[in-house]
Amino acid sequence: MTTKRALVLAGGGLAGIAWEIGILRGIADASPETADALRESEVLVGTSAGSTVAAQLISGLSLDALFERQLEPTTSELNPNVGVEEITELFLTAMTQPGSKAEKLQRIGSVALSTDTVPEVVRRDVIEHRLPEHEWPQRELRISAIDTATGELVTLDRNSGVNLIDAVAASCAVPGVWPPVTIGGARYMDGGVGSTVNLELAADCDVVVALLPQGRSSPSPFGAGAVEEVDSFSGSAFGVFADDESLAAFGRNPLDPACRAPSALAGRVQGKRIAGEIADFLVR
């Protein structure tokens, strides 16, 4: 019987992108075959920052090249000048009002739609520069986003009729920071608003390795959080959470482009350390 494996990449801002690439680069340092196995997983799932990493992994660039991009002092990334505190306040305002999860996400969507940000075209240009490849791969790449009008989690893939750049831009559209993305008349926001990892997008897979640029004790606005989501996965799941050194490297604002290099370097160190654990998990 064939085992279907997924690499699931969670959200976490620019720090998360750099850290996930660093984790994979560190695994490759210690166990190249393990890094290859992860990159060649039958399914790639990306949420927010993870959607960027997933789309980068399907390009022809090596892990070394992707890692070096995170260390470059110049970048096309924009500094939104909005910190975690402001985003947290937005969430708390929506969460403290009664209603279902969908209704709370709709309220967050309303704020996303009404917030003055850079134009969509400006943000799209940033995402375009992030991605070495702009076409969907033939393999399974699944990207999460949330419909601002309904609060519904949607899966964008090569069969959705959506450009890859727009899919990643939608998944990375942090409410109150970046503009929701227009696709087919609807507006979509960050896929990580309801869950940073969205393991349900890998529900048809038997084995999952999830990279989560957050601490194990990080709070979640909905439910028990990412740890519980990983632990309750129907198949076999291995969650890699950021260690204390990585969390320190992220800094106060994971959306600040200045966090990229330290986050990538910390991820590489952590990746080397955990490579053996992941190798053992994959051969069970």
C-alpha atoms as a PDB file:
ATOM      1  CA  MET A   1       0.000   0.000   0.000  1.00  0.00           C
ATOM      2  CA  THR A   2       1.376   3.421  -0.974  1.00  0.00           C
ATOM      3  CA  THR A   3       1.944   5.991   1.775  1.00  0.00           C
ATOM      4  CA  LYS A   4       0.960   9.546   0.895  1.00  0.00           C
ATOM      5  CA  ARG A   5       3.227  12.085   2.556  1.00  0.00           C
ATOM      6  CA  ALA A   6       2.766  15.839   3.041  1.00  0.00           C
ATOM      7  CA  LEU A   7       5.063  18.673   4.020  1.00  0.00           C
ATOM      8  CA  VAL A   8       2.915  21.302   5.742  1.00  0.00           C
ATOM      9  CA  LEU A   9       4.323  24.810   6.094  1.00  0.00           C
ATOM     10  CA  ALA A  10       2.618  27.122   8.572  1.00  0.00           C
ATOM     11  CA  GLY A  11       2.287  30.891   8.823  1.00  0.00           C
ATOM     12  CA  GLY A  12       4.610  33.245  10.652  1.00  0.00           C
ATOM     13  CA  GLY A  13       5.453  36.368   8.652  1.00  0.00           C
ATOM     14  CA  LEU A  14       8.803  37.083   7.061  1.00  0.00           C
ATOM     15  CA  ALA A  15      10.465  35.459  10.061  1.00  0.00           C
ATOM     16  CA  GLY A  16       8.484  32.312   9.322  1.00  0.00           C
ATOM     17  CA  ILE A  17       9.541  32.206   5.682  1.00  0.00           C
ATOM     18  CA  ALA A  18      13.209  32.565   6.605  1.00  0.00           C
ATOM     19  CA  TRP A  19      12.988  30.094   9.488  1.00  0.00           C
ATOM     20  CA  GLU A  20      11.271  27.371   7.445  1.00  0.00           C
ATOM     21  CA  ILE A  21      13.877  27.686   4.700  1.00  0.00           C
ATOM     22  CA  GLY A  22      16.555  27.635   7.411  1.00  0.00           C
ATOM     23  CA  ILE A  23      15.076  24.494   8.993  1.00  0.00           C
ATOM     24  CA  LEU A  24      15.150  22.669   5.666  1.00  0.00           C
ATOM     25  CA  ARG A  25      18.676  23.908   4.942  1.00  0.00           C
ATOM     26  CA  GLY A  26      19.846  22.693   8.348  1.00  0.00           C
ATOM     27  CA  ILE A  27      18.240  19.298   7.803  1.00  0.00           C
ATOM     28  CA  ALA A  28      20.086  19.103   4.484  1.00  0.00           C
ATOM     29  CA  ASP A  29      23.366  19.855   6.280  1.00  0.00           C
ATOM     30  CA  ALA A  30      22.911  16.867   8.576  1.00  0.00           C
ATOM     31  CA  SER A  31      20.904  14.506   6.371  1.00  0.00           C
ATOM     32  CA  PRO A  32      20.593  15.448   2.688  1.00  0.00           C
ATOM     33  CA  GLU A  33      18.362  12.459   1.963  1.00  0.00           C
ATOM     34  CA  THR A  34      15.903  13.551   4.655  1.00  0.00           C
ATOM     35  CA  ALA A  35      15.714  17.069   3.218  1.00  0.00           C
ATOM     36  CA  ASP A  36      15.151  15.588  -0.244  1.00  0.00           C
ATOM     37  CA  ALA A  37      12.379  13.358   1.105  1.00  0.00           C
ATOM     38  CA  LEU A  38      10.609  16.349   2.632  1.00  0.00           C
ATOM     39  CA  ARG A  39      10.944  18.492  -0.454  1.00  0.00           C
ATOM     40  CA  GLU A  40       9.708  15.624  -2.641  1.00  0.00           C
ATOM     41  CA  SER A  41       6.618  14.952  -0.507  1.00  0.00           C
ATOM     42  CA  GLU A  42       3.600  14.061  -2.631  1.00  0.00           C
ATOM     43  CA  VAL A  43       1.668  17.018  -1.198  1.00  0.00           C
ATOM     44  CA  LEU A  44       2.856  20.483  -0.181  1.00  0.00           C
ATOM     45  CA  VAL A  45       0.500  22.565   1.965  1.00  0.00           C
ATOM     46  CA  GLY A  46       1.190  26.233   2.590  1.00  0.00           C
ATOM     47  CA  THR A  47      -0.492  28.773   4.835  1.00  0.00           C
ATOM     48  CA  SER A  48       0.487  32.445   4.771  1.00  0.00           C
ATOM     49  CA  ALA A  49       4.314  32.489   5.096  1.00  0.00           C
ATOM     50  CA  GLY A  50       4.227  28.766   4.401  1.00  0.00           C
ATOM     51  CA  SER A  51       2.522  29.348   1.071  1.00  0.00           C
ATOM     52  CA  THR A  52       5.552  31.363  -0.010  1.00  0.00           C
ATOM     53  CA  VAL A  53       7.940  28.620   1.091  1.00  0.00           C
ATOM     54  CA  ALA A  54       5.856  25.893  -0.561  1.00  0.00           C
ATOM     55  CA  ALA A  55       5.825  27.831  -3.831  1.00  0.00           C
ATOM     56  CA  GLN A  56       9.577  28.413  -3.582  1.00  0.00           C
ATOM     57  CA  LEU A  57      10.246  24.727  -3.009  1.00  0.00           C
ATOM     58  CA  ILE A  58       8.609  23.754  -6.306  1.00  0.00           C
ATOM     59  CA  SER A  59      10.976  26.039  -8.221  1.00  0.00           C
ATOM     60  CA  GLY A  60      14.260  24.898  -9.682  1.00  0.00           C
ATOM     61  CA  LEU A  61      16.292  26.686  -7.005  1.00  0.00           C
ATOM     62  CA  SER A  62      18.296  24.613  -4.541  1.00  0.00           C
ATOM     63  CA  LEU A  63      17.818  24.889  -0.783  1.00  0.00           C
ATOM     64  CA  ASP A  64      21.203  26.567  -0.635  1.00  0.00           C
ATOM     65  CA  ALA A  65      20.075  29.232  -3.116  1.00  0.00           C
ATOM     66  CA  LEU A  66      16.770  29.756  -1.310  1.00  0.00           C
ATOM     67  CA  PHE A  67      18.644  30.086   1.989  1.00  0.00           C
ATOM     68  CA  GLU A  68      21.102  32.612   0.578  1.00  0.00           C
ATOM     69  CA  ARG A  69      18.193  34.742  -0.620  1.00  0.00           C
ATOM     70  CA  GLN A  70      17.132  35.170   3.008  1.00  0.00           C
ATOM     71  CA  LEU A  71      20.560  36.514   3.925  1.00  0.00           C
ATOM     72  CA  GLU A  72      20.676  39.183   1.215  1.00  0.00           C
ATOM     73  CA  PRO A  73      20.796  42.669   2.777  1.00  0.00           C
ATOM     74  CA  THR A  74      18.592  44.183   0.080  1.00  0.00           C
ATOM     75  CA  THR A  75      15.043  43.000  -0.489  1.00  0.00           C
ATOM     76  CA  SER A  76      11.856  43.898  -2.359  1.00  0.00           C
ATOM     77  CA  GLU A  77       9.892  43.248   0.838  1.00  0.00           C
ATOM     78  CA  LEU A  78       8.002  46.172   2.350  1.00  0.00           C
ATOM     79  CA  ASN A  79       8.033  47.119   5.999  1.00  0.00           C
ATOM     80  CA  PRO A  80       4.363  47.590   6.905  1.00  0.00           C
ATOM     81  CA  ASN A  81       5.245  49.551  10.058  1.00  0.00           C
ATOM     82  CA  VAL A  82       2.554  47.577  11.830  1.00  0.00           C
ATOM     83  CA  GLY A  83       3.541  45.424  14.779  1.00  0.00           C
ATOM     84  CA  VAL A  84       2.205  42.310  16.419  1.00  0.00           C
ATOM     85  CA  GLU A  85       0.480  44.407  19.076  1.00  0.00           C
ATOM     86  CA  GLU A  86      -1.753  46.150  16.540  1.00  0.00           C
ATOM     87  CA  ILE A  87      -2.652  42.881  14.830  1.00  0.00           C
ATOM     88  CA  THR A  88      -3.379  41.239  18.171  1.00  0.00           C
ATOM     89  CA  GLU A  89      -5.696  44.099  19.108  1.00  0.00           C
ATOM     90  CA  LEU A  90      -7.592  43.605  15.858  1.00  0.00           C
ATOM     91  CA  PHE A  91      -8.059  39.919  16.641  1.00  0.00           C
ATOM     92  CA  LEU A  92      -9.114  40.534  20.222  1.00  0.00           C
ATOM     93  CA  THR A  93     -11.749  43.043  19.161  1.00  0.00           C
ATOM     94  CA  ALA A  94     -13.274  40.518  16.760  1.00  0.00           C
ATOM     95  CA  MET A  95     -12.950  37.582  19.150  1.00  0.00           C
ATOM     96  CA  THR A  96     -14.535  39.186  22.197  1.00  0.00           C
ATOM     97  CA  GLN A  97     -17.849  39.640  20.410  1.00  0.00           C
ATOM     98  CA  PRO A  98     -20.211  36.648  20.436  1.00  0.00           C
ATOM     99  CA  GLY A  99     -20.722  34.456  17.402  1.00  0.00           C
ATOM    100  CA  SER A 100     -19.452  31.422  15.532  1.00  0.00           C
ATOM    101  CA  LYS A 101     -15.914  31.059  14.226  1.00  0.00           C
ATOM    102  CA  ALA A 102     -17.138  32.023  10.747  1.00  0.00           C
ATOM    103  CA  GLU A 103     -18.823  35.153  12.112  1.00  0.00           C
ATOM    104  CA  LYS A 104     -15.670  36.180  13.950  1.00  0.00           C
ATOM    105  CA  LEU A 105     -13.622  35.638  10.794  1.00  0.00           C
ATOM    106  CA  GLN A 106     -16.148  37.734   8.883  1.00  0.00           C
ATOM    107  CA  ARG A 107     -15.603  40.561  11.369  1.00  0.00           C
ATOM    108  CA  ILE A 108     -11.846  40.283  10.889  1.00  0.00           C
ATOM    109  CA  GLY A 109     -12.503  40.275   7.137  1.00  0.00           C
ATOM    110  CA  SER A 110     -14.510  43.492   7.439  1.00  0.00           C
ATOM    111  CA  VAL A 111     -11.580  45.161   9.174  1.00  0.00           C
ATOM    112  CA  ALA A 112      -9.221  43.849   6.492  1.00  0.00           C
ATOM    113  CA  LEU A 113     -11.429  45.326   3.790  1.00  0.00           C
ATOM    114  CA  SER A 114     -11.762  48.717   5.487  1.00  0.00           C
ATOM    115  CA  THR A 115      -8.114  49.207   6.486  1.00  0.00           C
ATOM    116  CA  ASP A 116      -6.081  51.585   4.342  1.00  0.00           C
ATOM    117  CA  THR A 117      -3.036  49.679   3.049  1.00  0.00           C
ATOM    118  CA  VAL A 118      -0.826  49.684  -0.018  1.00  0.00           C
ATOM    119  CA  PRO A 119      -2.696  48.987  -3.295  1.00  0.00           C
ATOM    120  CA  GLU A 120      -3.182  45.348  -4.293  1.00  0.00           C
ATOM    121  CA  VAL A 121      -0.927  45.777  -7.321  1.00  0.00           C
ATOM    122  CA  VAL A 122       1.958  46.984  -5.140  1.00  0.00           C
ATOM    123  CA  ARG A 123       1.626  44.024  -2.800  1.00  0.00           C
ATOM    124  CA  ARG A 124       1.312  41.621  -5.737  1.00  0.00           C
ATOM    125  CA  ASP A 125       4.619  42.878  -7.098  1.00  0.00           C
ATOM    126  CA  VAL A 126       6.292  41.969  -3.790  1.00  0.00           C
ATOM    127  CA  ILE A 127       4.888  38.434  -3.950  1.00  0.00           C
ATOM    128  CA  GLU A 128       5.948  38.095  -7.583  1.00  0.00           C
ATOM    129  CA  HIS A 129       9.529  38.898  -6.599  1.00  0.00           C
ATOM    130  CA  ARG A 130       9.380  36.280  -3.819  1.00  0.00           C
ATOM    131  CA  LEU A 131       8.553  33.433  -6.164  1.00  0.00           C
ATOM    132  CA  PRO A 132      11.218  32.020  -8.498  1.00  0.00           C
ATOM    133  CA  GLU A 133       8.472  30.137 -10.391  1.00  0.00           C
ATOM    134  CA  HIS A 134       5.098  31.662 -11.322  1.00  0.00           C
ATOM    135  CA  GLU A 135       3.292  28.599 -12.665  1.00  0.00           C
ATOM    136  CA  TRP A 136       1.564  25.865 -10.697  1.00  0.00           C
ATOM    137  CA  PRO A 137       3.480  22.574 -10.582  1.00  0.00           C
ATOM    138  CA  GLN A 138       1.976  19.271 -11.702  1.00  0.00           C
ATOM    139  CA  ARG A 139       2.406  17.895  -8.189  1.00  0.00           C
ATOM    140  CA  GLU A 140      -0.025  18.716  -5.377  1.00  0.00           C
ATOM    141  CA  LEU A 141       0.487  22.222  -4.021  1.00  0.00           C
ATOM    142  CA  ARG A 142      -2.366  23.400  -1.785  1.00  0.00           C
ATOM    143  CA  ILE A 143      -2.582  26.964  -0.510  1.00  0.00           C
ATOM    144  CA  SER A 144      -5.018  28.217   2.116  1.00  0.00           C
ATOM    145  CA  ALA A 145      -6.932  31.490   2.136  1.00  0.00           C
ATOM    146  CA  ILE A 146     -10.074  32.828   3.815  1.00  0.00           C
ATOM    147  CA  ASP A 147     -13.036  34.428   2.075  1.00  0.00           C
ATOM    148  CA  THR A 148     -13.529  37.779   3.821  1.00  0.00           C
ATOM    149  CA  ALA A 149     -17.286  37.745   3.154  1.00  0.00           C
ATOM    150  CA  THR A 150     -18.072  34.266   4.491  1.00  0.00           C
ATOM    151  CA  GLY A 151     -15.149  33.461   6.804  1.00  0.00           C
ATOM    152  CA  GLU A 152     -14.764  30.205   4.866  1.00  0.00           C
ATOM    153  CA  LEU A 153     -11.387  28.493   4.555  1.00  0.00           C
ATOM    154  CA  VAL A 154     -10.663  27.759   0.893  1.00  0.00           C
ATOM    155  CA  THR A 155      -8.032  25.637  -0.784  1.00  0.00           C
ATOM    156  CA  LEU A 156      -6.332  27.106  -3.839  1.00  0.00           C
ATOM    157  CA  ASP A 157      -4.506  24.752  -6.197  1.00  0.00           C
ATOM    158  CA  ARG A 158      -3.728  24.289  -9.870  1.00  0.00           C
ATOM    159  CA  ASN A 159      -7.364  23.372 -10.541  1.00  0.00           C
ATOM    160  CA  SER A 160      -8.795  26.527  -8.948  1.00  0.00           C
ATOM    161  CA  GLY A 161      -8.317  28.733 -12.004  1.00  0.00           C
ATOM    162  CA  VAL A 162      -6.205  31.105  -9.912  1.00  0.00           C
ATOM    163  CA  ASN A 163      -2.753  32.425 -10.775  1.00  0.00           C
ATOM    164  CA  LEU A 164      -0.092  31.107  -8.378  1.00  0.00           C
ATOM    165  CA  ILE A 165       1.065  34.628  -7.513  1.00  0.00           C
ATOM    166  CA  ASP A 166      -2.490  35.650  -6.598  1.00  0.00           C
ATOM    167  CA  ALA A 167      -2.972  32.478  -4.535  1.00  0.00           C
ATOM    168  CA  VAL A 168       0.166  33.164  -2.478  1.00  0.00           C
ATOM    169  CA  ALA A 169      -0.724  36.863  -2.171  1.00  0.00           C
ATOM    170  CA  ALA A 170      -4.162  35.918  -0.838  1.00  0.00           C
ATOM    171  CA  SER A 171      -2.735  33.463   1.694  1.00  0.00           C
ATOM    172  CA  CYS A 172      -0.265  36.137   2.869  1.00  0.00           C
ATOM    173  CA  ALA A 173      -2.781  39.011   3.090  1.00  0.00           C
ATOM    174  CA  VAL A 174      -2.490  39.694   6.818  1.00  0.00           C
ATOM    175  CA  PRO A 175      -5.676  41.565   7.817  1.00  0.00           C
ATOM    176  CA  GLY A 176      -5.052  45.151   8.827  1.00  0.00           C
ATOM    177  CA  VAL A 177      -1.577  45.016   7.273  1.00  0.00           C
ATOM    178  CA  TRP A 178      -1.906  44.025   3.598  1.00  0.00           C
ATOM    179  CA  PRO A 179      -4.875  44.346   1.238  1.00  0.00           C
ATOM    180  CA  PRO A 180      -7.218  41.387   0.708  1.00  0.00           C
ATOM    181  CA  VAL A 181      -6.721  39.878  -2.745  1.00  0.00           C
ATOM    182  CA  THR A 182      -9.415  39.991  -5.395  1.00  0.00           C
ATOM    183  CA  ILE A 183     -10.029  36.653  -7.111  1.00  0.00           C
ATOM    184  CA  GLY A 184     -13.075  36.132  -9.295  1.00  0.00           C
ATOM    185  CA  GLY A 185     -15.028  38.936  -7.664  1.00  0.00           C
ATOM    186  CA  ALA A 186     -14.367  37.722  -4.096  1.00  0.00           C
ATOM    187  CA  ARG A 187     -11.809  39.116  -1.640  1.00  0.00           C
ATOM    188  CA  TYR A 188      -9.496  36.786   0.242  1.00  0.00           C
ATOM    189  CA  MET A 189      -7.309  37.278   3.300  1.00  0.00           C
ATOM    190  CA  ASP A 190      -4.545  35.442   5.130  1.00  0.00           C
ATOM    191  CA  GLY A 191      -5.140  31.696   5.373  1.00  0.00           C
ATOM    192  CA  GLY A 192      -3.557  31.681   8.820  1.00  0.00           C
ATOM    193  CA  VAL A 193      -6.228  33.776  10.522  1.00  0.00           C
ATOM    194  CA  GLY A 194      -8.275  30.769  11.595  1.00  0.00           C
ATOM    195  CA  SER A 195      -5.343  28.345  11.957  1.00  0.00           C
ATOM    196  CA  THR A 196      -1.643  28.889  11.374  1.00  0.00           C
ATOM    197  CA  VAL A 197      -1.207  25.341  10.043  1.00  0.00           C
ATOM    198  CA  ASN A 198      -4.550  24.197   8.517  1.00  0.00           C
ATOM    199  CA  LEU A 199      -3.779  20.495   8.694  1.00  0.00           C
ATOM    200  CA  GLU A 200      -7.210  19.745   7.284  1.00  0.00           C
ATOM    201  CA  LEU A 201      -5.756  20.534   3.868  1.00  0.00           C
ATOM    202  CA  ALA A 202      -3.629  17.392   4.283  1.00  0.00           C
ATOM    203  CA  ALA A 203      -6.464  15.208   5.592  1.00  0.00           C
ATOM    204  CA  ASP A 204      -6.022  12.710   2.744  1.00  0.00           C
ATOM    205  CA  CYS A 205      -2.359  12.130   3.624  1.00  0.00           C
ATOM    206  CA  ASP A 206      -0.980   9.355   5.825  1.00  0.00           C
ATOM    207  CA  VAL A 207       2.207  11.022   7.045  1.00  0.00           C
ATOM    208  CA  VAL A 208       2.749  14.719   7.728  1.00  0.00           C
ATOM    209  CA  VAL A 209       5.754  16.786   8.740  1.00  0.00           C
ATOM    210  CA  ALA A 210       4.679  20.289   9.732  1.00  0.00           C
ATOM    211  CA  LEU A 211       7.016  23.259  10.198  1.00  0.00           C
ATOM    212  CA  LEU A 212       5.517  25.815  12.589  1.00  0.00           C
ATOM    213  CA  PRO A 213       7.408  29.078  13.228  1.00  0.00           C
ATOM    214  CA  GLN A 214       5.914  29.563  16.679  1.00  0.00           C
ATOM    215  CA  GLY A 215       6.429  28.248  20.176  1.00  0.00           C
ATOM    216  CA  ARG A 216       4.563  25.169  21.349  1.00  0.00           C
ATOM    217  CA  SER A 217       2.750  27.314  23.896  1.00  0.00           C
ATOM    218  CA  SER A 218       1.761  30.076  21.476  1.00  0.00           C
ATOM    219  CA  PRO A 219      -1.884  31.046  22.040  1.00  0.00           C
ATOM    220  CA  SER A 220      -4.522  30.438  19.387  1.00  0.00           C
ATOM    221  CA  PRO A 221      -7.646  32.566  18.850  1.00  0.00           C
ATOM    222  CA  PHE A 222      -9.600  29.447  17.913  1.00  0.00           C
ATOM    223  CA  GLY A 223      -9.529  26.120  19.704  1.00  0.00           C
ATOM    224  CA  ALA A 224      -6.593  24.555  21.505  1.00  0.00           C
ATOM    225  CA  GLY A 225      -4.016  25.688  18.952  1.00  0.00           C
ATOM    226  CA  ALA A 226      -1.435  24.176  16.655  1.00  0.00           C
ATOM    227  CA  VAL A 227      -0.107  21.590  19.108  1.00  0.00           C
ATOM    228  CA  GLU A 228      -3.540  20.045  19.476  1.00  0.00           C
ATOM    229  CA  GLU A 229      -4.065  20.223  15.707  1.00  0.00           C
ATOM    230  CA  VAL A 230      -0.854  18.272  15.108  1.00  0.00           C
ATOM    231  CA  ASP A 231      -1.511  15.781  17.912  1.00  0.00           C
ATOM    232  CA  SER A 232      -5.058  15.056  16.719  1.00  0.00           C
ATOM    233  CA  PHE A 233      -4.134  14.517  13.068  1.00  0.00           C
ATOM    234  CA  SER A 234      -5.713  11.298  11.799  1.00  0.00           C
ATOM    235  CA  GLY A 235      -2.453   9.971  10.345  1.00  0.00           C
ATOM    236  CA  SER A 236       1.114  10.193  11.646  1.00  0.00           C
ATOM    237  CA  ALA A 237       2.260  13.759  12.239  1.00  0.00           C
ATOM    238  CA  PHE A 238       5.543  15.327  13.342  1.00  0.00           C
ATOM    239  CA  GLY A 239       5.415  19.002  14.286  1.00  0.00           C
ATOM    240  CA  VAL A 240       8.567  21.110  14.323  1.00  0.00           C
ATOM    241  CA  PHE A 241       8.013  24.172  16.530  1.00  0.00           C
ATOM    242  CA  ALA A 242      10.469  27.033  16.870  1.00  0.00           C
ATOM    243  CA  ASP A 243      12.913  26.606  19.747  1.00  0.00           C
ATOM    244  CA  ASP A 244      13.801  29.395  22.172  1.00  0.00           C
ATOM    245  CA  GLU A 245      16.766  30.577  20.104  1.00  0.00           C
ATOM    246  CA  SER A 246      14.615  30.804  16.984  1.00  0.00           C
ATOM    247  CA  LEU A 247      11.851  32.680  18.803  1.00  0.00           C
ATOM    248  CA  ALA A 248      14.446  35.175  20.010  1.00  0.00           C
ATOM    249  CA  ALA A 249      15.760  35.561  16.456  1.00  0.00           C
ATOM    250  CA  PHE A 250      12.263  36.422  15.174  1.00  0.00           C
ATOM    251  CA  GLY A 251      12.395  39.615  17.222  1.00  0.00           C
ATOM    252  CA  ARG A 252       9.469  41.782  18.224  1.00  0.00           C
ATOM    253  CA  ASN A 253       8.002  42.042  14.748  1.00  0.00           C
ATOM    254  CA  PRO A 254       8.089  38.984  12.434  1.00  0.00           C
ATOM    255  CA  LEU A 255       6.839  41.192   9.579  1.00  0.00           C
ATOM    256  CA  ASP A 256       9.953  43.401   9.644  1.00  0.00           C
ATOM    257  CA  PRO A 257      12.325  42.480   6.783  1.00  0.00           C
ATOM    258  CA  ALA A 258      15.250  42.884   9.208  1.00  0.00           C
ATOM    259  CA  CYS A 259      14.259  39.603  10.902  1.00  0.00           C
ATOM    260  CA  ARG A 260      14.959  37.509   7.806  1.00  0.00           C
ATOM    261  CA  ALA A 261      18.672  36.750   8.223  1.00  0.00           C
ATOM    262  CA  PRO A 262      18.665  35.987  11.969  1.00  0.00           C
ATOM    263  CA  SER A 263      15.552  33.813  11.577  1.00  0.00           C
ATOM    264  CA  ALA A 264      17.105  31.847   8.696  1.00  0.00           C
ATOM    265  CA  LEU A 265      20.348  31.305  10.613  1.00  0.00           C
ATOM    266  CA  ALA A 266      18.529  30.185  13.769  1.00  0.00           C
ATOM    267  CA  GLY A 267      16.362  27.840  11.721  1.00  0.00           C
ATOM    268  CA  ARG A 268      19.440  26.283  10.137  1.00  0.00           C
ATOM    269  CA  VAL A 269      20.944  25.536  13.549  1.00  0.00           C
ATOM    270  CA  GLN A 270      17.681  24.011  14.755  1.00  0.00           C
ATOM    271  CA  GLY A 271      17.298  22.036  11.526  1.00  0.00           C
ATOM    272  CA  LYS A 272      20.699  20.392  11.994  1.00  0.00           C
ATOM    273  CA  ARG A 273      19.756  19.413  15.528  1.00  0.00           C
ATOM    274  CA  ILE A 274      16.400  17.802  14.659  1.00  0.00           C
ATOM    275  CA  ALA A 275      17.357  16.156  11.363  1.00  0.00           C
ATOM    276  CA  GLY A 276      17.844  12.764  12.989  1.00  0.00           C
ATOM    277  CA  GLU A 277      14.431  12.858  14.676  1.00  0.00           C
ATOM    278  CA  ILE A 278      12.717  13.594  11.392  1.00  0.00           C
ATOM    279  CA  ALA A 279      14.701  10.914   9.585  1.00  0.00           C
ATOM    280  CA  ASP A 280      13.611   8.362  12.198  1.00  0.00           C
ATOM    281  CA  PHE A 281       9.989   9.512  11.933  1.00  0.00           C
ATOM    282  CA  LEU A 282       9.912   9.119   8.153  1.00  0.00           C
ATOM    283  CA  VAL A 283      11.142   5.520   8.227  1.00  0.00           C
ATOM    284  CA  ARG A 284       8.662   4.261  10.820  1.00  0.00           C
END
